[in-house]
Amino acid sequence: MLSRRDQAGAWPGARDPAAARFRAESSPAPRFPGIMPFPDSVPLGPQTIVVLPARVDLVLYQGDDFTLRVDVSDDQGYPYDLSGAVPESHIRERVEDAYLAGVFEATIADSVLFLHLTPVVSSGLPLQAVWDAQITRDAGARVTTLVAGTITLVPEVTR
């Protein structure tokens, strides 16, 4: 039961006072199995669902070794089981290019995706590039792109 307010007038634990008031002033909707009640503030017209990979832009020093650790979790924040998943990560100068500018060495350990860029690969990359990393499961039937972004390389001096 919500009965106390903090100094700012919001309910304790509330992120936003408007949301706290909505919860406090709304009467609970009846619950039916399999039916999710919608609050009055949700429009009933067309909705947009956005399912995009996490955006990770990299600024790296050309010719250096680089490893990125990507912890994968479910929507509740628990580690996601990646056993049986096949990782892959490509780098291209432009998205539409047919040829690869480079490849991250991608490996999986439990719920963690590791992406390693070797010095040989990073020294041969263009100064501006795009990249992404995805996992394939169920013999190629399910593909999920986890992260994507740009790569900006600072030119190396010592070669």
N, C-alpha and C. Protein backbone atom coordinates (compact mmCIF):
# COMPACT_ATOMS: atom_id res chain seq x y z
N MET A 1 0.85 -1.18 0.00
CA MET A 1 0.00 0.00 0.00
C MET A 1 0.89 1.24 0.00
N LEU A 2 0.59 2.17 -0.86
CA LEU A 2 1.36 3.41 -0.93
C LEU A 2 0.76 4.40 0.06
N SER A 3 1.54 4.73 1.08
CA SER A 3 0.99 5.63 2.08
C SER A 3 1.94 6.77 2.44
N ARG A 4 3.21 6.63 2.12
CA ARG A 4 4.17 7.67 2.48
C ARG A 4 4.66 8.38 1.24
N ARG A 5 4.98 9.63 1.38
CA ARG A 5 5.62 10.40 0.31
C ARG A 5 6.97 10.88 0.82
N ASP A 6 7.94 10.99 -0.10
CA ASP A 6 9.23 11.53 0.30
C ASP A 6 9.16 13.06 0.31
N GLN A 7 10.29 13.72 0.60
CA GLN A 7 10.31 15.18 0.72
C GLN A 7 9.84 15.89 -0.54
N ALA A 8 10.09 15.30 -1.73
CA ALA A 8 9.71 15.95 -2.99
C ALA A 8 8.25 15.71 -3.34
N GLY A 9 7.55 14.92 -2.54
CA GLY A 9 6.15 14.66 -2.81
C GLY A 9 5.90 13.43 -3.65
N ALA A 10 6.95 12.70 -4.02
CA ALA A 10 6.78 11.48 -4.83
C ALA A 10 6.70 10.29 -3.90
N TRP A 11 6.13 9.24 -4.39
CA TRP A 11 6.06 8.02 -3.61
C TRP A 11 7.46 7.43 -3.52
N PRO A 12 7.84 6.84 -2.38
CA PRO A 12 9.17 6.24 -2.24
C PRO A 12 9.42 5.20 -3.32
N GLY A 13 10.60 5.22 -3.89
CA GLY A 13 10.96 4.25 -4.91
C GLY A 13 10.52 4.64 -6.31
N ALA A 14 9.77 5.72 -6.46
CA ALA A 14 9.30 6.11 -7.79
C ALA A 14 10.41 6.83 -8.53
N ARG A 15 10.54 6.56 -9.81
CA ARG A 15 11.55 7.23 -10.63
C ARG A 15 11.06 8.61 -11.06
N ASP A 16 9.79 8.72 -11.24
CA ASP A 16 9.24 9.95 -11.79
C ASP A 16 7.93 10.22 -11.08
N PRO A 17 7.77 11.38 -10.46
CA PRO A 17 6.57 11.66 -9.67
C PRO A 17 5.27 11.49 -10.45
N ALA A 18 5.28 11.79 -11.75
CA ALA A 18 4.06 11.62 -12.54
C ALA A 18 3.67 10.15 -12.61
N ALA A 19 4.65 9.28 -12.77
CA ALA A 19 4.37 7.85 -12.81
C ALA A 19 3.87 7.38 -11.45
N ALA A 20 4.43 7.93 -10.38
CA ALA A 20 4.00 7.54 -9.04
C ALA A 20 2.55 7.95 -8.82
N ARG A 21 2.17 9.15 -9.26
CA ARG A 21 0.78 9.59 -9.10
C ARG A 21 -0.15 8.71 -9.92
N PHE A 22 0.28 8.32 -11.12
CA PHE A 22 -0.57 7.46 -11.94
C PHE A 22 -0.86 6.16 -11.22
N ARG A 23 0.18 5.58 -10.62
CA ARG A 23 -0.01 4.32 -9.90
C ARG A 23 -0.88 4.52 -8.68
N ALA A 24 -0.70 5.64 -7.98
CA ALA A 24 -1.42 5.86 -6.74
C ALA A 24 -2.88 6.21 -6.99
N GLU A 25 -3.19 6.95 -8.07
CA GLU A 25 -4.53 7.43 -8.30
C GLU A 25 -5.37 6.50 -9.18
N SER A 26 -4.73 5.55 -9.84
CA SER A 26 -5.48 4.64 -10.70
C SER A 26 -5.99 3.47 -9.89
N SER A 27 -7.21 3.08 -10.13
CA SER A 27 -7.70 1.88 -9.47
C SER A 27 -7.19 0.68 -10.25
N PRO A 28 -6.86 -0.41 -9.56
CA PRO A 28 -6.30 -1.56 -10.28
C PRO A 28 -7.31 -2.14 -11.27
N ALA A 29 -6.81 -2.47 -12.45
CA ALA A 29 -7.67 -3.08 -13.48
C ALA A 29 -7.90 -4.54 -13.13
N PRO A 30 -9.07 -5.08 -13.47
CA PRO A 30 -9.28 -6.50 -13.22
C PRO A 30 -8.30 -7.33 -14.02
N ARG A 31 -7.85 -8.43 -13.45
CA ARG A 31 -6.86 -9.28 -14.11
C ARG A 31 -7.55 -10.53 -14.65
N PHE A 32 -7.29 -10.80 -15.91
CA PHE A 32 -7.78 -12.02 -16.55
C PHE A 32 -6.60 -12.76 -17.12
N PRO A 33 -6.55 -14.08 -17.02
CA PRO A 33 -5.41 -14.83 -17.55
C PRO A 33 -5.21 -14.54 -19.04
N GLY A 34 -3.97 -14.18 -19.41
CA GLY A 34 -3.63 -13.96 -20.80
C GLY A 34 -4.00 -12.60 -21.34
N ILE A 35 -4.63 -11.74 -20.53
CA ILE A 35 -5.02 -10.41 -20.99
C ILE A 35 -4.28 -9.39 -20.15
N MET A 36 -3.57 -8.50 -20.81
CA MET A 36 -2.79 -7.48 -20.12
C MET A 36 -3.55 -6.17 -20.19
N PRO A 37 -3.94 -5.58 -19.04
CA PRO A 37 -4.66 -4.30 -19.08
C PRO A 37 -3.74 -3.16 -19.52
N PHE A 38 -4.26 -2.22 -20.27
CA PHE A 38 -3.50 -1.06 -20.72
C PHE A 38 -3.94 0.15 -19.91
N PRO A 39 -2.99 0.97 -19.45
CA PRO A 39 -3.39 2.21 -18.78
C PRO A 39 -4.01 3.16 -19.80
N ASP A 40 -4.78 4.12 -19.29
CA ASP A 40 -5.47 5.07 -20.16
C ASP A 40 -4.51 5.90 -21.01
N SER A 41 -3.25 6.04 -20.58
CA SER A 41 -2.32 6.89 -21.30
C SER A 41 -1.73 6.22 -22.54
N VAL A 42 -1.96 4.93 -22.77
CA VAL A 42 -1.40 4.24 -23.93
C VAL A 42 -2.36 4.39 -25.10
N PRO A 43 -1.89 4.96 -26.23
CA PRO A 43 -2.78 5.09 -27.39
C PRO A 43 -3.11 3.72 -27.97
N LEU A 44 -4.31 3.58 -28.48
CA LEU A 44 -4.74 2.30 -29.03
C LEU A 44 -4.51 2.19 -30.52
N GLY A 45 -3.91 3.20 -31.14
CA GLY A 45 -3.61 3.18 -32.57
C GLY A 45 -2.38 2.35 -32.85
N PRO A 46 -1.84 2.49 -34.05
CA PRO A 46 -0.65 1.72 -34.42
C PRO A 46 0.51 1.99 -33.46
N GLN A 47 1.26 0.97 -33.14
CA GLN A 47 2.41 1.06 -32.26
C GLN A 47 3.68 0.73 -33.03
N THR A 48 4.80 1.22 -32.58
CA THR A 48 6.09 0.90 -33.18
C THR A 48 6.91 0.12 -32.16
N ILE A 49 7.41 -1.01 -32.57
CA ILE A 49 8.29 -1.81 -31.73
C ILE A 49 9.68 -1.71 -32.33
N VAL A 50 10.63 -1.25 -31.55
CA VAL A 50 11.99 -1.06 -32.02
C VAL A 50 12.86 -2.17 -31.45
N VAL A 51 13.45 -2.97 -32.32
CA VAL A 51 14.34 -4.05 -31.91
C VAL A 51 15.65 -3.85 -32.65
N LEU A 52 16.54 -3.09 -32.03
CA LEU A 52 17.82 -2.76 -32.64
C LEU A 52 18.95 -3.22 -31.72
N PRO A 53 20.12 -3.49 -32.30
CA PRO A 53 21.26 -3.84 -31.45
C PRO A 53 21.73 -2.63 -30.65
N ALA A 54 22.48 -2.91 -29.59
CA ALA A 54 23.08 -1.82 -28.81
C ALA A 54 24.08 -1.07 -29.69
N ARG A 55 24.07 0.24 -29.62
CA ARG A 55 24.98 1.06 -30.43
C ARG A 55 26.28 1.23 -29.66
N VAL A 56 27.37 0.78 -30.25
CA VAL A 56 28.70 0.92 -29.64
C VAL A 56 29.65 1.45 -30.70
N ASP A 57 30.02 2.72 -30.59
CA ASP A 57 30.97 3.34 -31.49
C ASP A 57 32.36 3.22 -30.87
N LEU A 58 33.33 2.81 -31.67
CA LEU A 58 34.68 2.57 -31.18
C LEU A 58 35.65 3.60 -31.77
N VAL A 59 36.51 4.15 -30.94
CA VAL A 59 37.62 4.99 -31.38
C VAL A 59 38.87 4.25 -30.93
N LEU A 60 39.64 3.76 -31.90
CA LEU A 60 40.77 2.89 -31.62
C LEU A 60 42.05 3.45 -32.22
N TYR A 61 43.18 3.00 -31.71
CA TYR A 61 44.47 3.38 -32.25
C TYR A 61 44.89 2.32 -33.27
N GLN A 62 45.13 2.74 -34.48
CA GLN A 62 45.46 1.83 -35.58
C GLN A 62 46.69 0.98 -35.22
N GLY A 63 46.61 -0.32 -35.48
CA GLY A 63 47.72 -1.22 -35.23
C GLY A 63 47.75 -1.79 -33.83
N ASP A 64 46.85 -1.35 -32.95
CA ASP A 64 46.83 -1.87 -31.58
C ASP A 64 45.88 -3.06 -31.46
N ASP A 65 46.14 -3.83 -30.44
CA ASP A 65 45.32 -4.97 -30.04
C ASP A 65 44.10 -4.43 -29.28
N PHE A 66 42.92 -4.98 -29.49
CA PHE A 66 41.71 -4.51 -28.82
C PHE A 66 40.78 -5.69 -28.56
N THR A 67 40.23 -5.76 -27.34
CA THR A 67 39.23 -6.78 -27.00
C THR A 67 38.03 -6.10 -26.38
N LEU A 68 36.85 -6.46 -26.84
CA LEU A 68 35.59 -5.94 -26.31
C LEU A 68 34.83 -7.10 -25.68
N ARG A 69 34.39 -6.90 -24.45
CA ARG A 69 33.58 -7.90 -23.74
C ARG A 69 32.12 -7.43 -23.78
N VAL A 70 31.23 -8.29 -24.27
CA VAL A 70 29.80 -7.97 -24.34
C VAL A 70 29.06 -8.97 -23.45
N ASP A 71 28.55 -8.49 -22.31
CA ASP A 71 27.76 -9.35 -21.42
C ASP A 71 26.34 -9.38 -21.95
N VAL A 72 25.81 -10.56 -22.21
CA VAL A 72 24.48 -10.71 -22.79
C VAL A 72 23.52 -11.16 -21.70
N SER A 73 22.42 -10.44 -21.54
CA SER A 73 21.43 -10.78 -20.52
C SER A 73 20.04 -10.77 -21.12
N ASP A 74 19.09 -11.40 -20.42
CA ASP A 74 17.71 -11.41 -20.89
C ASP A 74 17.02 -10.12 -20.44
N ASP A 75 15.73 -9.98 -20.72
CA ASP A 75 15.03 -8.74 -20.40
C ASP A 75 14.85 -8.52 -18.90
N GLN A 76 15.14 -9.54 -18.08
CA GLN A 76 15.08 -9.39 -16.63
C GLN A 76 16.45 -9.08 -16.04
N GLY A 77 17.50 -9.05 -16.90
CA GLY A 77 18.84 -8.76 -16.43
C GLY A 77 19.65 -9.98 -16.03
N TYR A 78 19.11 -11.17 -16.24
CA TYR A 78 19.84 -12.40 -15.92
C TYR A 78 20.72 -12.81 -17.09
N PRO A 79 21.88 -13.43 -16.81
CA PRO A 79 22.76 -13.88 -17.90
C PRO A 79 22.00 -14.79 -18.88
N TYR A 80 22.20 -14.54 -20.17
CA TYR A 80 21.54 -15.30 -21.22
C TYR A 80 22.45 -16.45 -21.66
N ASP A 81 21.89 -17.63 -21.71
CA ASP A 81 22.66 -18.82 -22.08
C ASP A 81 22.98 -18.78 -23.58
N LEU A 82 24.25 -18.64 -23.91
CA LEU A 82 24.68 -18.59 -25.30
C LEU A 82 25.25 -19.92 -25.79
N SER A 83 25.07 -20.98 -25.02
CA SER A 83 25.62 -22.26 -25.45
C SER A 83 24.98 -22.68 -26.77
N GLY A 84 25.82 -23.11 -27.69
CA GLY A 84 25.36 -23.50 -29.02
C GLY A 84 25.27 -22.36 -30.01
N ALA A 85 25.42 -21.12 -29.54
CA ALA A 85 25.36 -19.97 -30.45
C ALA A 85 26.70 -19.82 -31.18
N VAL A 86 26.62 -19.38 -32.42
CA VAL A 86 27.82 -19.17 -33.24
C VAL A 86 27.98 -17.66 -33.44
N PRO A 87 29.08 -17.07 -32.93
CA PRO A 87 29.28 -15.62 -33.07
C PRO A 87 29.99 -15.26 -34.36
N GLU A 88 29.70 -14.05 -34.84
CA GLU A 88 30.36 -13.54 -36.04
C GLU A 88 30.35 -12.02 -35.98
N SER A 89 31.44 -11.40 -36.41
CA SER A 89 31.52 -9.94 -36.37
C SER A 89 32.34 -9.43 -37.55
N HIS A 90 31.70 -8.61 -38.38
CA HIS A 90 32.35 -8.08 -39.59
C HIS A 90 32.57 -6.58 -39.48
N ILE A 91 33.61 -6.14 -40.20
CA ILE A 91 33.92 -4.72 -40.32
C ILE A 91 33.96 -4.39 -41.81
N ARG A 92 33.26 -3.34 -42.21
CA ARG A 92 33.27 -2.89 -43.60
C ARG A 92 33.51 -1.38 -43.62
N GLU A 93 34.07 -0.91 -44.73
CA GLU A 93 34.27 0.53 -44.84
C GLU A 93 32.92 1.25 -44.89
N ARG A 94 31.98 0.70 -45.63
CA ARG A 94 30.61 1.21 -45.69
C ARG A 94 29.65 0.03 -45.59
N VAL A 95 28.46 0.25 -45.10
CA VAL A 95 27.47 -0.82 -44.94
C VAL A 95 27.23 -1.55 -46.25
N GLU A 96 27.17 -0.82 -47.34
CA GLU A 96 26.81 -1.44 -48.63
C GLU A 96 27.97 -2.17 -49.31
N ASP A 97 29.19 -2.07 -48.78
CA ASP A 97 30.33 -2.73 -49.40
C ASP A 97 30.18 -4.25 -49.37
N ALA A 98 30.57 -4.89 -50.46
CA ALA A 98 30.50 -6.35 -50.53
C ALA A 98 31.71 -7.00 -49.85
N TYR A 99 32.84 -6.31 -49.87
CA TYR A 99 34.06 -6.90 -49.30
C TYR A 99 34.20 -6.51 -47.82
N LEU A 100 34.90 -7.37 -47.08
CA LEU A 100 35.16 -7.10 -45.67
C LEU A 100 36.45 -6.32 -45.52
N ALA A 101 36.44 -5.32 -44.67
CA ALA A 101 37.65 -4.58 -44.34
C ALA A 101 38.41 -5.31 -43.23
N GLY A 102 37.70 -6.09 -42.44
CA GLY A 102 38.31 -6.84 -41.35
C GLY A 102 37.27 -7.66 -40.62
N VAL A 103 37.76 -8.49 -39.71
CA VAL A 103 36.87 -9.37 -38.93
C VAL A 103 37.37 -9.40 -37.49
N PHE A 104 36.46 -9.25 -36.55
CA PHE A 104 36.79 -9.49 -35.15
C PHE A 104 36.85 -11.00 -34.94
N GLU A 105 37.80 -11.47 -34.13
CA GLU A 105 37.77 -12.85 -33.68
C GLU A 105 36.71 -12.91 -32.60
N ALA A 106 35.63 -13.65 -32.83
CA ALA A 106 34.50 -13.69 -31.90
C ALA A 106 34.44 -15.04 -31.20
N THR A 107 34.38 -15.00 -29.87
CA THR A 107 34.25 -16.22 -29.08
C THR A 107 33.19 -16.01 -28.00
N ILE A 108 32.68 -17.13 -27.50
CA ILE A 108 31.64 -17.09 -26.46
C ILE A 108 32.11 -17.91 -25.27
N ALA A 109 31.87 -17.37 -24.08
CA ALA A 109 32.09 -18.09 -22.82
C ALA A 109 30.88 -17.81 -21.93
N ASP A 110 30.06 -18.82 -21.70
CA ASP A 110 28.82 -18.69 -20.91
C ASP A 110 27.90 -17.64 -21.54
N SER A 111 27.69 -16.51 -20.87
CA SER A 111 26.80 -15.48 -21.39
C SER A 111 27.58 -14.26 -21.88
N VAL A 112 28.86 -14.46 -22.21
CA VAL A 112 29.72 -13.35 -22.62
C VAL A 112 30.24 -13.57 -24.03
N LEU A 113 30.11 -12.54 -24.85
CA LEU A 113 30.67 -12.53 -26.19
C LEU A 113 31.95 -11.70 -26.14
N PHE A 114 33.06 -12.30 -26.58
CA PHE A 114 34.33 -11.59 -26.64
C PHE A 114 34.65 -11.30 -28.10
N LEU A 115 35.00 -10.05 -28.39
CA LEU A 115 35.40 -9.64 -29.73
C LEU A 115 36.82 -9.13 -29.66
N HIS A 116 37.71 -9.77 -30.42
CA HIS A 116 39.12 -9.42 -30.38
C HIS A 116 39.56 -8.93 -31.76
N LEU A 117 40.20 -7.79 -31.76
CA LEU A 117 40.75 -7.21 -32.97
C LEU A 117 42.28 -7.29 -32.86
N THR A 118 42.90 -8.04 -33.75
CA THR A 118 44.35 -8.22 -33.68
C THR A 118 45.06 -6.99 -34.25
N PRO A 119 46.34 -6.81 -33.90
CA PRO A 119 47.10 -5.68 -34.45
C PRO A 119 47.21 -5.74 -35.98
N VAL A 120 47.30 -6.93 -36.54
CA VAL A 120 47.40 -7.07 -38.00
C VAL A 120 46.12 -6.56 -38.66
N VAL A 121 44.97 -6.94 -38.09
CA VAL A 121 43.70 -6.50 -38.67
C VAL A 121 43.51 -5.00 -38.46
N SER A 122 43.77 -4.48 -37.25
CA SER A 122 43.52 -3.06 -37.00
C SER A 122 44.45 -2.15 -37.80
N SER A 123 45.65 -2.64 -38.14
CA SER A 123 46.54 -1.80 -38.94
C SER A 123 46.10 -1.72 -40.40
N GLY A 124 45.30 -2.68 -40.86
CA GLY A 124 44.84 -2.68 -42.24
C GLY A 124 43.46 -2.09 -42.45
N LEU A 125 42.81 -1.62 -41.37
CA LEU A 125 41.46 -1.07 -41.49
C LEU A 125 41.48 0.36 -42.03
N PRO A 126 40.39 0.76 -42.72
CA PRO A 126 40.27 2.17 -43.11
C PRO A 126 40.08 3.02 -41.85
N LEU A 127 40.33 4.31 -41.97
CA LEU A 127 40.22 5.18 -40.80
C LEU A 127 38.78 5.35 -40.33
N GLN A 128 37.81 5.12 -41.19
CA GLN A 128 36.39 5.15 -40.83
C GLN A 128 35.76 3.85 -41.31
N ALA A 129 35.00 3.18 -40.45
CA ALA A 129 34.37 1.92 -40.83
C ALA A 129 33.11 1.71 -40.01
N VAL A 130 32.35 0.68 -40.37
CA VAL A 130 31.17 0.26 -39.62
C VAL A 130 31.36 -1.21 -39.23
N TRP A 131 30.69 -1.63 -38.18
CA TRP A 131 30.84 -3.01 -37.72
C TRP A 131 29.57 -3.46 -37.01
N ASP A 132 29.42 -4.75 -36.89
CA ASP A 132 28.38 -5.31 -36.03
C ASP A 132 28.82 -6.70 -35.57
N ALA A 133 28.12 -7.22 -34.60
CA ALA A 133 28.38 -8.57 -34.09
C ALA A 133 27.05 -9.25 -33.87
N GLN A 134 26.95 -10.47 -34.35
CA GLN A 134 25.71 -11.21 -34.21
C GLN A 134 25.98 -12.64 -33.78
N ILE A 135 24.92 -13.27 -33.27
CA ILE A 135 24.99 -14.69 -32.94
C ILE A 135 23.93 -15.40 -33.76
N THR A 136 24.25 -16.63 -34.15
CA THR A 136 23.32 -17.47 -34.89
C THR A 136 23.04 -18.70 -34.04
N ARG A 137 21.76 -19.03 -33.90
CA ARG A 137 21.34 -20.19 -33.11
C ARG A 137 20.43 -21.07 -33.93
N ASP A 138 20.21 -22.26 -33.44
CA ASP A 138 19.30 -23.22 -34.08
C ASP A 138 19.65 -23.46 -35.54
N ALA A 139 20.92 -23.78 -35.79
CA ALA A 139 21.42 -24.11 -37.13
C ALA A 139 21.09 -23.02 -38.16
N GLY A 140 21.23 -21.78 -37.76
CA GLY A 140 21.01 -20.67 -38.69
C GLY A 140 19.59 -20.17 -38.75
N ALA A 141 18.68 -20.79 -38.00
CA ALA A 141 17.28 -20.38 -38.06
C ALA A 141 17.02 -19.08 -37.31
N ARG A 142 17.85 -18.76 -36.32
CA ARG A 142 17.65 -17.53 -35.53
C ARG A 142 18.95 -16.73 -35.50
N VAL A 143 18.89 -15.51 -35.98
CA VAL A 143 20.05 -14.62 -35.99
C VAL A 143 19.69 -13.39 -35.17
N THR A 144 20.60 -13.02 -34.27
CA THR A 144 20.40 -11.83 -33.44
C THR A 144 21.65 -10.97 -33.50
N THR A 145 21.50 -9.73 -33.93
CA THR A 145 22.62 -8.79 -33.91
C THR A 145 22.61 -8.12 -32.55
N LEU A 146 23.69 -8.30 -31.80
CA LEU A 146 23.75 -7.81 -30.43
C LEU A 146 24.27 -6.38 -30.33
N VAL A 147 25.31 -6.06 -31.09
CA VAL A 147 25.92 -4.73 -31.04
C VAL A 147 26.29 -4.29 -32.45
N ALA A 148 26.31 -2.98 -32.68
CA ALA A 148 26.68 -2.43 -33.98
C ALA A 148 27.12 -0.99 -33.76
N GLY A 149 27.93 -0.50 -34.70
CA GLY A 149 28.36 0.89 -34.58
C GLY A 149 29.39 1.26 -35.61
N THR A 150 30.13 2.30 -35.30
CA THR A 150 31.18 2.79 -36.18
C THR A 150 32.53 2.55 -35.54
N ILE A 151 33.56 2.55 -36.38
CA ILE A 151 34.94 2.50 -35.89
C ILE A 151 35.66 3.70 -36.48
N THR A 152 36.30 4.46 -35.62
CA THR A 152 37.17 5.55 -36.03
C THR A 152 38.57 5.21 -35.57
N LEU A 153 39.50 5.16 -36.50
CA LEU A 153 40.87 4.83 -36.17
C LEU A 153 41.73 6.08 -36.15
N VAL A 154 42.56 6.18 -35.13
CA VAL A 154 43.58 7.22 -35.06
C VAL A 154 44.82 6.62 -35.71
N PRO A 155 45.37 7.27 -36.72
CA PRO A 155 46.52 6.68 -37.43
C PRO A 155 47.72 6.44 -36.50
N GLU A 156 48.34 5.27 -36.71
CA GLU A 156 49.51 4.94 -35.91
C GLU A 156 50.75 5.66 -36.44
N VAL A 157 51.70 5.89 -35.56
CA VAL A 157 52.95 6.54 -35.94
C VAL A 157 54.05 5.48 -36.05
N THR A 158 54.15 4.65 -35.02
CA THR A 158 55.16 3.61 -35.01
C THR A 158 54.65 2.40 -35.76
N ARG A 159 55.34 2.03 -36.87
CA ARG A 159 54.89 0.90 -37.66
C ARG A 159 56.01 -0.09 -37.79
